[in-house]
């Protein structure tokens, strides 16, 4: 199977053909390798990926549910992602995670949660040390997902699972961009995550509010210059570490 390679192939080794195709297409759309408004033909994609039309059709259905394409006869139209869409997805993520963090203030904190978060943070530090932006991004997602699942709220988990694939692409591109343009900024990112663990452990609402909102503010602020700059976005999408 031919892949464009914008999404890390090492993360797709145990995936089905359909999952591989949808991950590759999703990243191509979000990175604007596939231009908004362009038409995707099932037949052409089938030839390009060297697979039958069935996994292509399934992939396009998934992407339609995510709002990235509109299905057409024998294919789809690329809807893509605008800066407004990006802001709105971060709004949804903020709503989910602020609910989770406030819930954790009232819950009995499991020591295993703190241990797991510290373990993930250490792996983030290793990825930073070896300048592996992709691994850092995946561990960042895992860190936040671990916190979200910690409150055992079924429908919050459903909401998160719906936006996770797109959020993951955002973070991959963002961390690649930082690795190339602002490597030292990773010290701040790591510090923010360490502070979040401390807030959960101490159940300090004031500190948690400051750390939580600072983390999200910094995420958006330090992404500026990526999404509105085609060259930066292209460079980030083609990053190989």
Protein backbone atom coordinates (compact mmCIF):
# COMPACT_ATOMS: atom_id res chain seq x y z
CA UNK A 1 0.00 0.00 0.00
CA UNK A 2 1.29 3.46 -0.91
CA UNK A 3 0.99 6.08 1.85
CA UNK A 4 1.73 9.77 1.65
CA UNK A 5 3.56 9.33 4.95
CA UNK A 6 2.37 12.48 6.71
CA UNK A 7 0.98 10.40 9.58
CA UNK A 8 3.63 8.30 11.41
CA UNK A 9 3.52 4.87 9.80
CA UNK A 10 4.99 3.19 12.90
CA UNK A 11 1.68 3.93 14.65
CA UNK A 12 -0.25 2.06 11.97
CA UNK A 13 1.55 -1.29 12.05
CA UNK A 14 -1.30 -3.12 13.81
CA UNK A 15 -4.10 -1.23 12.06
CA UNK A 16 -6.56 -2.53 9.49
CA UNK A 17 -6.36 -1.36 5.87
CA UNK A 18 -9.34 0.94 6.46
CA UNK A 19 -7.76 2.47 9.57
CA UNK A 20 -4.51 3.08 7.70
CA UNK A 21 -6.29 4.78 4.81
CA UNK A 22 -8.42 7.01 7.06
CA UNK A 23 -5.39 8.05 9.16
CA UNK A 24 -3.42 8.96 6.03
CA UNK A 25 -6.31 10.84 4.40
CA UNK A 26 -7.17 12.67 7.63
CA UNK A 27 -3.63 13.98 7.98
CA UNK A 28 -3.50 14.95 4.31
CA UNK A 29 -6.71 16.96 4.69
CA UNK A 30 -5.77 18.69 7.95
CA UNK A 31 -2.29 19.54 6.66
CA UNK A 32 -3.93 20.84 3.44
CA UNK A 33 -2.02 18.41 1.26
CA UNK A 34 -5.54 17.79 -0.07
CA UNK A 35 -7.02 21.19 -0.85
CA UNK A 36 -10.39 22.30 0.53
CA UNK A 37 -13.03 21.96 -2.16
CA UNK A 38 -11.18 19.31 -4.14
CA UNK A 39 -12.90 16.08 -5.18
CA UNK A 40 -11.80 12.66 -3.97
CA UNK A 41 -12.67 9.82 -6.34
CA UNK A 42 -13.09 6.33 -4.90
CA UNK A 43 -11.54 4.85 -8.03
CA UNK A 44 -8.52 7.16 -8.00
CA UNK A 45 -7.94 6.68 -4.27
CA UNK A 46 -8.26 2.94 -4.74
CA UNK A 47 -5.51 3.08 -7.37
CA UNK A 48 -3.38 5.47 -5.34
CA UNK A 49 -3.46 3.34 -2.19
CA UNK A 50 -3.47 0.05 -4.13
CA UNK A 51 -6.50 -1.26 -2.24
CA UNK A 52 -10.09 -2.16 -3.15
CA UNK A 53 -12.81 0.49 -3.09
CA UNK A 54 -14.36 -0.94 0.09
CA UNK A 55 -11.78 0.43 2.60
CA UNK A 56 -11.74 3.72 0.67
CA UNK A 57 -15.52 4.00 0.99
CA UNK A 58 -15.35 3.17 4.70
CA UNK A 59 -12.59 5.74 5.25
CA UNK A 60 -14.61 8.47 3.54
CA UNK A 61 -17.62 7.68 5.75
CA UNK A 62 -15.46 8.13 8.86
CA UNK A 63 -14.07 11.41 7.54
CA UNK A 64 -17.60 12.64 6.80
CA UNK A 65 -18.60 11.99 10.42
CA UNK A 66 -15.59 14.07 11.47
CA UNK A 67 -16.73 16.91 9.21
CA UNK A 68 -13.68 16.73 6.94
CA UNK A 69 -15.45 15.65 3.74
CA UNK A 70 -18.91 15.60 2.18
CA UNK A 71 -19.82 12.33 0.49
CA UNK A 72 -20.61 12.44 -3.21
CA UNK A 73 -21.48 9.71 -5.67
CA UNK A 74 -18.38 7.49 -6.00
CA UNK A 75 -16.30 9.81 -3.83
CA UNK A 76 -16.30 12.92 -1.66
CA UNK A 77 -15.60 16.64 -1.58
CA UNK A 78 -12.92 17.88 0.81
CA UNK A 79 -14.39 20.26 3.40
CA UNK A 80 -11.16 20.55 5.35
CA UNK A 81 -10.38 22.61 8.42
CA UNK A 82 -10.54 26.38 8.83
CA UNK A 83 -9.00 28.46 11.62
CA UNK A 84 -12.54 28.88 13.01
CA UNK A 85 -12.89 25.08 13.08
CA UNK A 86 -9.60 24.81 14.94
CA UNK A 87 -10.76 27.37 17.52
CA UNK A 88 -14.05 25.50 17.96
CA UNK A 89 -12.34 22.13 18.45
CA UNK A 90 -10.09 23.67 21.10
CA UNK A 91 -13.27 25.10 22.71
CA UNK A 92 -14.76 21.58 22.90
CA UNK A 93 -11.53 20.22 24.32
CA UNK A 94 -11.50 23.02 26.91
CA UNK A 95 -15.09 22.20 27.92
CA UNK A 96 -14.30 18.49 28.29
CA UNK A 97 -11.06 18.90 30.22
CA UNK A 98 -12.27 21.71 32.49
CA UNK A 99 -15.19 19.45 33.51
CA UNK A 100 -12.78 16.58 34.15
CA UNK A 101 -10.36 18.65 36.21
CA UNK A 102 -13.15 20.09 38.36
CA UNK A 103 -14.51 16.57 38.87
CA UNK A 104 -11.07 15.43 40.03
CA UNK A 105 -11.12 18.09 42.76
CA UNK A 106 -14.05 16.28 44.36
CA UNK A 107 -12.91 12.70 43.73
CA UNK A 108 -10.63 10.38 45.66
CA UNK A 109 -7.40 10.44 43.71
CA UNK A 110 -6.00 7.03 42.93
CA UNK A 111 -2.24 6.84 43.47
CA UNK A 112 -2.06 4.80 40.27
CA UNK A 113 -3.30 7.82 38.31
CA UNK A 114 -0.48 10.00 39.64
CA UNK A 115 2.06 7.26 38.95
CA UNK A 116 0.77 6.81 35.39
CA UNK A 117 0.85 10.56 34.68
CA UNK A 118 4.41 10.84 36.02
CA UNK A 119 5.42 7.85 33.89
CA UNK A 120 3.98 9.48 30.76
CA UNK A 121 5.67 12.77 31.65
CA UNK A 122 9.03 11.00 31.90
CA UNK A 123 8.47 9.52 28.43
CA UNK A 124 7.68 13.02 27.14
CA UNK A 125 11.02 14.19 28.54
CA UNK A 126 12.82 11.35 26.75
CA UNK A 127 11.09 12.20 23.45
CA UNK A 128 12.13 15.84 23.93
CA UNK A 129 15.72 14.84 24.66
CA UNK A 130 15.93 12.84 21.44
CA UNK A 131 14.01 15.48 19.46
CA UNK A 132 11.23 13.06 18.57
CA UNK A 133 8.31 15.42 17.98
CA UNK A 134 5.90 12.65 16.96
CA UNK A 135 6.50 10.56 20.08
CA UNK A 136 6.21 13.67 22.23
CA UNK A 137 2.87 14.47 20.59
CA UNK A 138 1.48 10.96 21.13
CA UNK A 139 2.55 11.03 24.79
CA UNK A 140 0.95 14.46 25.20
CA UNK A 141 -2.35 13.02 23.89
CA UNK A 142 -1.97 9.98 26.16
CA UNK A 143 -1.37 12.25 29.18
CA UNK A 144 -4.63 14.14 28.68
CA UNK A 145 -6.58 11.03 27.70
CA UNK A 146 -5.47 9.32 30.92
CA UNK A 147 -6.87 12.22 32.95
CA UNK A 148 -10.13 12.22 30.96
CA UNK A 149 -10.71 8.48 31.48
CA UNK A 150 -9.80 8.75 35.18
CA UNK A 151 -13.25 10.07 36.14
CA UNK A 152 -15.05 7.09 34.53
CA UNK A 153 -17.63 9.28 32.81
CA UNK A 154 -19.00 7.36 29.85
CA UNK A 155 -20.29 10.24 27.76
CA UNK A 156 -17.32 12.50 28.39
CA UNK A 157 -15.21 9.62 27.07
CA UNK A 158 -17.50 9.39 24.02
CA UNK A 159 -17.11 13.12 23.34
CA UNK A 160 -13.35 12.82 23.66
CA UNK A 161 -13.17 9.81 21.33
CA UNK A 162 -15.09 11.79 18.70
CA UNK A 163 -12.57 14.64 18.59
CA UNK A 164 -9.40 12.71 19.46
CA UNK A 165 -8.34 11.78 15.88
CA UNK A 166 -8.43 15.41 14.76
CA UNK A 167 -6.86 16.70 17.99
CA UNK A 168 -4.07 14.16 17.54
CA UNK A 169 -3.32 15.53 14.06
CA UNK A 170 -3.32 19.09 15.42
CA UNK A 171 -0.84 18.17 18.15
CA UNK A 172 1.39 16.21 15.77
CA UNK A 173 1.68 19.18 13.41
CA UNK A 174 2.04 21.65 16.27
CA UNK A 175 4.85 19.72 18.00
CA UNK A 176 6.69 19.21 14.71
CA UNK A 177 6.46 22.95 14.10
CA UNK A 178 7.81 23.74 17.58
CA UNK A 179 10.62 21.21 17.24
CA UNK A 180 11.85 23.03 14.14
CA UNK A 181 11.08 26.62 15.11
CA UNK A 182 11.12 26.82 18.93
CA UNK A 183 12.80 23.77 20.48
CA UNK A 184 13.31 25.43 23.87
CA UNK A 185 9.56 25.91 24.23
CA UNK A 186 9.28 22.23 25.12
CA UNK A 187 10.69 23.08 28.56
CA UNK A 188 7.56 25.18 29.17
CA UNK A 189 5.26 22.43 27.86
CA UNK A 190 6.86 19.86 30.18
CA UNK A 191 6.66 22.26 33.13
CA UNK A 192 2.95 22.86 32.48
CA UNK A 193 2.24 19.13 32.52
CA UNK A 194 4.22 18.66 35.73
CA UNK A 195 2.18 21.46 37.27
CA UNK A 196 -1.07 19.77 36.23
CA UNK A 197 0.00 16.60 38.07
CA UNK A 198 0.82 18.66 41.16
CA UNK A 199 -2.58 20.36 41.03
CA UNK A 200 -4.41 17.04 40.83
CA UNK A 201 -2.36 15.63 43.69
CA UNK A 202 -2.85 18.64 45.97
CA UNK A 203 -6.45 19.35 44.92
CA UNK A 204 -5.66 23.05 44.85
CA UNK A 205 -8.48 24.68 42.85
CA UNK A 206 -6.78 28.05 42.46
CA UNK A 207 -3.55 26.46 41.27
CA UNK A 208 -5.47 24.08 39.03
CA UNK A 209 -7.42 26.89 37.36
CA UNK A 210 -4.22 28.82 36.71
CA UNK A 211 -2.28 25.79 35.45
CA UNK A 212 -5.14 24.42 33.36
CA UNK A 213 -6.08 27.63 31.58
CA UNK A 214 -2.43 28.62 31.18
CA UNK A 215 -1.76 25.32 29.46
CA UNK A 216 -4.59 25.83 26.96
CA UNK A 217 -3.73 29.48 26.40
CA UNK A 218 -0.12 28.55 25.70
CA UNK A 219 -1.17 25.76 23.33
CA UNK A 220 -3.18 28.16 21.17
CA UNK A 221 -0.71 31.05 21.42
CA UNK A 222 2.30 28.96 20.46
CA UNK A 223 0.45 27.44 17.49
CA UNK A 224 0.03 30.89 15.96
CA UNK A 225 1.92 31.17 12.71
CA UNK A 226 1.36 27.53 11.80
CA UNK A 227 -2.22 27.26 10.58
CA UNK A 228 -2.22 30.47 8.52
CA UNK A 229 1.20 29.84 6.94
CA UNK A 230 1.13 27.27 4.10
CA UNK A 231 4.92 26.87 4.09
CA UNK A 232 5.11 26.20 7.84
CA UNK A 233 2.22 23.75 7.59
CA UNK A 234 3.82 21.93 4.65
CA UNK A 235 7.14 21.74 6.50
CA UNK A 236 5.45 20.37 9.63
CA UNK A 237 3.43 17.80 7.68
CA UNK A 238 6.56 16.48 5.94
CA UNK A 239 8.65 16.37 9.12
CA UNK A 240 10.56 13.12 9.55
CA UNK A 241 12.37 13.74 12.87
